[in-house]
Each structure stands twice: as structure tokens, then as C-alpha cells.
Amino acid sequence: MIKYISCLSLSMISTIASANGFFDKADINAGKALVQENCISCHASSYGGDGSEIYTRPFHKVESSAALVAQVRACSTNLNLQWFEEDEFNAAAYLNKAYYKFE
């Protein structure tokens, strides 16, 4: 049931976001703060350096804006960060701007 709700929720975000531009309504600065506070130390311990290699490696898992939001949601859930959907979306928007450059 929880997976269904998450998928439905992601689908709703995708539909709403694509009306303008996927990340047009996101707060990039809030997303950056969340990533810096919660993601960098984990990624750095796994990939070394500042952890950004997880985003820039040639065979990264994320291939679209919706997949980026889904990956952020998976990390948030696995780490029990208790982020709201808006937080996940903002973090994904920051990562998109900084690394992925999806439309």
C-alpha cells in the first residue's frame, strides 16, 4: 500500500510539475540546504571526496526528472529523514540544477 501511495504521489508531482517546467515551482536554496545537511556525508563516505561522484558517474541510475524525485524519495525513506514531499522535490530540483540538467 505504501509503495502505491508513493507512486501515485510521484505521478501527481510529475503531472503538476510538467504543466510549467518540472522544477519551476521548487525552492532550490531549500533543496541545497537539505542536501548539504543530509546527503553529502553519506555520499562522501561511499564515493570519496565531496560525494558528488554519485551524481556524475557515467552509469548513474537517474535518467529523468521523475526518476530523480523517486531516488531522492527512496533515500529520504531509507534514512528515515521524515521529509515532506516538498522537501524531496526541492532537494531533487537542487540536484537537477547542480548536476543532472534535465528539462
N, C-alpha and C. Protein backbone atom coordinates (compact mmCIF):
# COMPACT_ATOMS: atom_id res chain seq x y z
N MET A 1 0.81 -1.19 0.00
CA MET A 1 0.00 0.00 0.00
C MET A 1 0.86 1.26 0.00
N ILE A 2 1.90 1.29 0.81
CA ILE A 2 2.76 2.48 0.88
C ILE A 2 3.44 2.73 -0.46
N LYS A 3 3.90 1.67 -1.14
CA LYS A 3 4.52 1.84 -2.45
C LYS A 3 3.53 2.43 -3.43
N TYR A 4 2.28 1.99 -3.38
CA TYR A 4 1.26 2.51 -4.28
C TYR A 4 1.06 4.00 -4.04
N ILE A 5 0.99 4.39 -2.79
CA ILE A 5 0.80 5.81 -2.46
C ILE A 5 1.98 6.63 -2.93
N SER A 6 3.21 6.12 -2.73
CA SER A 6 4.39 6.84 -3.18
C SER A 6 4.39 7.00 -4.69
N CYS A 7 4.04 5.93 -5.42
CA CYS A 7 4.00 6.01 -6.87
C CYS A 7 2.91 6.97 -7.34
N LEU A 8 1.77 6.90 -6.72
CA LEU A 8 0.69 7.80 -7.06
C LEU A 8 1.11 9.24 -6.79
N SER A 9 1.73 9.45 -5.67
CA SER A 9 2.17 10.78 -5.31
C SER A 9 3.21 11.30 -6.30
N LEU A 10 4.17 10.46 -6.69
CA LEU A 10 5.17 10.85 -7.67
C LEU A 10 4.50 11.16 -9.00
N SER A 11 3.52 10.36 -9.37
CA SER A 11 2.79 10.60 -10.60
C SER A 11 2.09 11.95 -10.56
N MET A 12 1.49 12.28 -9.42
CA MET A 12 0.82 13.56 -9.28
C MET A 12 1.82 14.70 -9.38
N ILE A 13 2.99 14.55 -8.74
CA ILE A 13 4.02 15.58 -8.83
C ILE A 13 4.45 15.76 -10.27
N SER A 14 4.66 14.66 -10.99
CA SER A 14 5.08 14.73 -12.39
C SER A 14 4.05 15.46 -13.24
N THR A 15 2.78 15.16 -13.03
CA THR A 15 1.72 15.80 -13.80
C THR A 15 1.64 17.29 -13.52
N ILE A 16 1.67 17.65 -12.25
CA ILE A 16 1.58 19.06 -11.88
C ILE A 16 2.82 19.82 -12.34
N ALA A 17 3.98 19.23 -12.12
CA ALA A 17 5.23 19.91 -12.45
C ALA A 17 5.40 20.09 -13.94
N SER A 18 4.96 19.15 -14.74
CA SER A 18 5.18 19.24 -16.18
C SER A 18 4.32 20.30 -16.84
N ALA A 19 3.33 20.81 -16.14
CA ALA A 19 2.49 21.85 -16.71
C ALA A 19 3.31 23.10 -17.01
N ASN A 20 4.31 23.40 -16.21
CA ASN A 20 5.14 24.59 -16.43
C ASN A 20 6.55 24.18 -16.88
N GLY A 21 7.26 23.65 -16.04
CA GLY A 21 8.60 23.12 -16.21
C GLY A 21 8.76 22.28 -14.96
N PHE A 22 9.37 21.15 -15.06
CA PHE A 22 9.30 20.19 -13.96
C PHE A 22 9.64 20.80 -12.61
N PHE A 23 10.70 21.57 -12.54
CA PHE A 23 11.15 22.09 -11.25
C PHE A 23 10.91 23.59 -11.08
N ASP A 24 10.07 24.19 -11.91
CA ASP A 24 9.85 25.65 -11.85
C ASP A 24 9.36 26.14 -10.49
N LYS A 25 8.57 25.35 -9.80
CA LYS A 25 7.98 25.78 -8.52
C LYS A 25 8.85 25.40 -7.31
N ALA A 26 9.97 24.75 -7.55
CA ALA A 26 10.82 24.27 -6.45
C ALA A 26 11.63 25.41 -5.83
N ASP A 27 11.97 25.23 -4.57
CA ASP A 27 12.84 26.16 -3.85
C ASP A 27 14.25 25.55 -3.85
N ILE A 28 15.06 26.00 -4.79
CA ILE A 28 16.41 25.46 -4.99
C ILE A 28 17.27 25.64 -3.74
N ASN A 29 17.18 26.80 -3.11
CA ASN A 29 18.00 27.07 -1.92
C ASN A 29 17.63 26.15 -0.76
N ALA A 30 16.34 25.90 -0.58
CA ALA A 30 15.91 24.97 0.46
C ALA A 30 16.41 23.57 0.14
N GLY A 31 16.35 23.18 -1.13
CA GLY A 31 16.85 21.87 -1.55
C GLY A 31 18.34 21.73 -1.32
N LYS A 32 19.09 22.77 -1.62
CA LYS A 32 20.54 22.75 -1.41
C LYS A 32 20.86 22.55 0.07
N ALA A 33 20.17 23.25 0.92
CA ALA A 33 20.40 23.12 2.37
C ALA A 33 20.10 21.70 2.84
N LEU A 34 19.02 21.11 2.34
CA LEU A 34 18.68 19.74 2.72
C LEU A 34 19.74 18.75 2.26
N VAL A 35 20.21 18.91 1.04
CA VAL A 35 21.24 18.02 0.50
C VAL A 35 22.53 18.17 1.30
N GLN A 36 22.93 19.40 1.57
CA GLN A 36 24.17 19.61 2.32
C GLN A 36 24.08 19.03 3.74
N GLU A 37 22.93 19.17 4.35
CA GLU A 37 22.76 18.70 5.72
C GLU A 37 22.60 17.19 5.83
N ASN A 38 21.98 16.57 4.83
CA ASN A 38 21.58 15.16 4.97
C ASN A 38 22.22 14.18 3.99
N CYS A 39 22.76 14.64 2.89
CA CYS A 39 23.19 13.72 1.83
C CYS A 39 24.70 13.63 1.65
N ILE A 40 25.37 14.74 1.77
CA ILE A 40 26.78 14.80 1.40
C ILE A 40 27.65 13.86 2.21
N SER A 41 27.47 13.80 3.51
CA SER A 41 28.33 12.93 4.33
C SER A 41 28.18 11.46 3.95
N CYS A 42 26.97 11.03 3.67
CA CYS A 42 26.73 9.64 3.26
C CYS A 42 27.37 9.37 1.91
N HIS A 43 27.17 10.25 0.95
CA HIS A 43 27.72 10.05 -0.38
C HIS A 43 29.24 10.14 -0.35
N ALA A 44 29.80 11.03 0.44
CA ALA A 44 31.25 11.16 0.55
C ALA A 44 31.86 9.90 1.14
N SER A 45 31.20 9.30 2.11
CA SER A 45 31.73 8.07 2.71
C SER A 45 31.67 6.91 1.72
N SER A 46 30.73 6.94 0.80
CA SER A 46 30.60 5.88 -0.19
C SER A 46 31.47 6.09 -1.43
N TYR A 47 31.63 7.36 -1.84
CA TYR A 47 32.30 7.66 -3.10
C TYR A 47 33.56 8.50 -2.95
N GLY A 48 33.86 8.93 -1.73
CA GLY A 48 35.04 9.75 -1.51
C GLY A 48 34.82 11.20 -1.90
N GLY A 49 35.81 12.00 -1.63
CA GLY A 49 35.74 13.42 -1.97
C GLY A 49 34.54 14.09 -1.35
N ASP A 50 33.86 14.89 -2.16
CA ASP A 50 32.67 15.58 -1.67
C ASP A 50 31.38 14.80 -1.93
N GLY A 51 31.52 13.58 -2.44
CA GLY A 51 30.36 12.73 -2.68
C GLY A 51 29.63 12.98 -3.98
N SER A 52 30.06 13.98 -4.75
CA SER A 52 29.33 14.34 -5.98
C SER A 52 29.50 13.30 -7.09
N GLU A 53 30.46 12.40 -6.94
CA GLU A 53 30.64 11.37 -7.97
C GLU A 53 29.39 10.52 -8.15
N ILE A 54 28.59 10.39 -7.11
CA ILE A 54 27.35 9.61 -7.23
C ILE A 54 26.43 10.21 -8.30
N TYR A 55 26.52 11.52 -8.49
CA TYR A 55 25.68 12.20 -9.48
C TYR A 55 26.33 12.25 -10.85
N THR A 56 27.66 12.24 -10.90
CA THR A 56 28.37 12.48 -12.15
C THR A 56 28.97 11.22 -12.76
N ARG A 57 28.87 10.10 -12.09
CA ARG A 57 29.45 8.86 -12.63
C ARG A 57 28.77 8.51 -13.95
N PRO A 58 29.51 7.89 -14.86
CA PRO A 58 28.98 7.62 -16.20
C PRO A 58 27.70 6.78 -16.22
N PHE A 59 27.56 5.85 -15.31
CA PHE A 59 26.42 4.95 -15.34
C PHE A 59 25.49 5.18 -14.14
N HIS A 60 25.12 6.46 -13.93
CA HIS A 60 24.23 6.75 -12.81
C HIS A 60 22.84 6.21 -13.10
N LYS A 61 22.09 5.95 -12.04
CA LYS A 61 20.77 5.32 -12.14
C LYS A 61 19.69 6.26 -12.64
N VAL A 62 19.84 7.52 -12.41
CA VAL A 62 18.79 8.50 -12.66
C VAL A 62 18.85 8.99 -14.11
N GLU A 63 17.73 8.86 -14.82
CA GLU A 63 17.70 9.22 -16.23
C GLU A 63 16.62 10.25 -16.59
N SER A 64 15.88 10.74 -15.58
CA SER A 64 14.83 11.73 -15.85
C SER A 64 14.51 12.51 -14.58
N SER A 65 13.78 13.58 -14.73
CA SER A 65 13.37 14.38 -13.57
C SER A 65 12.53 13.56 -12.60
N ALA A 66 11.59 12.80 -13.13
CA ALA A 66 10.73 11.98 -12.27
C ALA A 66 11.55 10.92 -11.54
N ALA A 67 12.52 10.33 -12.23
CA ALA A 67 13.38 9.33 -11.58
C ALA A 67 14.25 9.97 -10.51
N LEU A 68 14.64 11.21 -10.72
CA LEU A 68 15.43 11.93 -9.71
C LEU A 68 14.61 12.14 -8.44
N VAL A 69 13.38 12.56 -8.59
CA VAL A 69 12.50 12.73 -7.43
C VAL A 69 12.31 11.39 -6.73
N ALA A 70 12.12 10.33 -7.50
CA ALA A 70 11.93 9.00 -6.92
C ALA A 70 13.18 8.55 -6.15
N GLN A 71 14.36 8.84 -6.68
CA GLN A 71 15.59 8.44 -6.00
C GLN A 71 15.77 9.23 -4.70
N VAL A 72 15.48 10.52 -4.74
CA VAL A 72 15.55 11.33 -3.52
C VAL A 72 14.57 10.80 -2.49
N ARG A 73 13.37 10.45 -2.94
CA ARG A 73 12.36 9.89 -2.04
C ARG A 73 12.85 8.58 -1.44
N ALA A 74 13.48 7.74 -2.22
CA ALA A 74 13.99 6.46 -1.72
C ALA A 74 15.05 6.69 -0.64
N CYS A 75 15.96 7.62 -0.89
CA CYS A 75 16.99 7.93 0.12
C CYS A 75 16.34 8.49 1.38
N SER A 76 15.41 9.40 1.22
CA SER A 76 14.72 10.00 2.35
C SER A 76 14.02 8.94 3.20
N THR A 77 13.37 8.02 2.52
CA THR A 77 12.66 6.94 3.21
C THR A 77 13.64 5.98 3.89
N ASN A 78 14.66 5.56 3.17
CA ASN A 78 15.63 4.60 3.72
C ASN A 78 16.38 5.16 4.93
N LEU A 79 16.62 6.46 4.92
CA LEU A 79 17.34 7.09 6.03
C LEU A 79 16.40 7.65 7.09
N ASN A 80 15.09 7.45 6.89
CA ASN A 80 14.08 7.92 7.83
C ASN A 80 14.24 9.42 8.13
N LEU A 81 14.43 10.20 7.08
CA LEU A 81 14.61 11.65 7.24
C LEU A 81 13.30 12.36 7.57
N GLN A 82 12.19 11.72 7.28
CA GLN A 82 10.87 12.28 7.52
C GLN A 82 10.66 13.61 6.79
N TRP A 83 11.14 13.64 5.54
CA TRP A 83 10.94 14.81 4.70
C TRP A 83 9.51 14.81 4.16
N PHE A 84 8.98 15.99 3.96
CA PHE A 84 7.72 16.16 3.25
C PHE A 84 7.99 16.02 1.76
N GLU A 85 6.95 15.80 0.96
CA GLU A 85 7.12 15.72 -0.50
C GLU A 85 7.77 16.98 -1.04
N GLU A 86 7.42 18.11 -0.49
CA GLU A 86 8.01 19.38 -0.92
C GLU A 86 9.52 19.38 -0.70
N ASP A 87 9.98 18.82 0.42
CA ASP A 87 11.41 18.74 0.70
C ASP A 87 12.10 17.86 -0.33
N GLU A 88 11.50 16.72 -0.63
CA GLU A 88 12.07 15.81 -1.62
C GLU A 88 12.15 16.48 -2.99
N PHE A 89 11.11 17.17 -3.34
CA PHE A 89 11.06 17.87 -4.62
C PHE A 89 12.10 18.97 -4.68
N ASN A 90 12.24 19.73 -3.59
CA ASN A 90 13.24 20.81 -3.54
C ASN A 90 14.66 20.26 -3.64
N ALA A 91 14.93 19.16 -2.93
CA ALA A 91 16.26 18.54 -2.99
C ALA A 91 16.54 18.03 -4.41
N ALA A 92 15.56 17.42 -5.02
CA ALA A 92 15.72 16.93 -6.40
C ALA A 92 15.95 18.09 -7.36
N ALA A 93 15.25 19.19 -7.15
CA ALA A 93 15.43 20.36 -8.01
C ALA A 93 16.84 20.92 -7.89
N TYR A 94 17.35 20.96 -6.67
CA TYR A 94 18.73 21.44 -6.48
C TYR A 94 19.71 20.50 -7.19
N LEU A 95 19.55 19.19 -6.99
CA LEU A 95 20.44 18.23 -7.64
C LEU A 95 20.35 18.32 -9.15
N ASN A 96 19.16 18.55 -9.66
CA ASN A 96 18.99 18.71 -11.09
C ASN A 96 19.75 19.94 -11.59
N LYS A 97 19.62 21.02 -10.89
CA LYS A 97 20.29 22.26 -11.30
C LYS A 97 21.82 22.11 -11.22
N ALA A 98 22.28 21.49 -10.16
CA ALA A 98 23.72 21.38 -9.92
C ALA A 98 24.39 20.29 -10.79
N TYR A 99 23.69 19.19 -11.07
CA TYR A 99 24.34 18.04 -11.68
C TYR A 99 23.66 17.48 -12.93
N TYR A 100 22.36 17.24 -12.85
CA TYR A 100 21.72 16.44 -13.90
C TYR A 100 21.29 17.23 -15.13
N LYS A 101 20.77 18.41 -14.94
CA LYS A 101 20.36 19.30 -16.04
C LYS A 101 19.23 18.73 -16.90
N PHE A 102 18.28 18.02 -16.27
CA PHE A 102 17.10 17.57 -17.01
C PHE A 102 16.21 18.78 -17.28
N GLU A 103 15.38 18.67 -18.31
CA GLU A 103 14.46 19.78 -18.62
C GLU A 103 13.29 19.77 -17.67
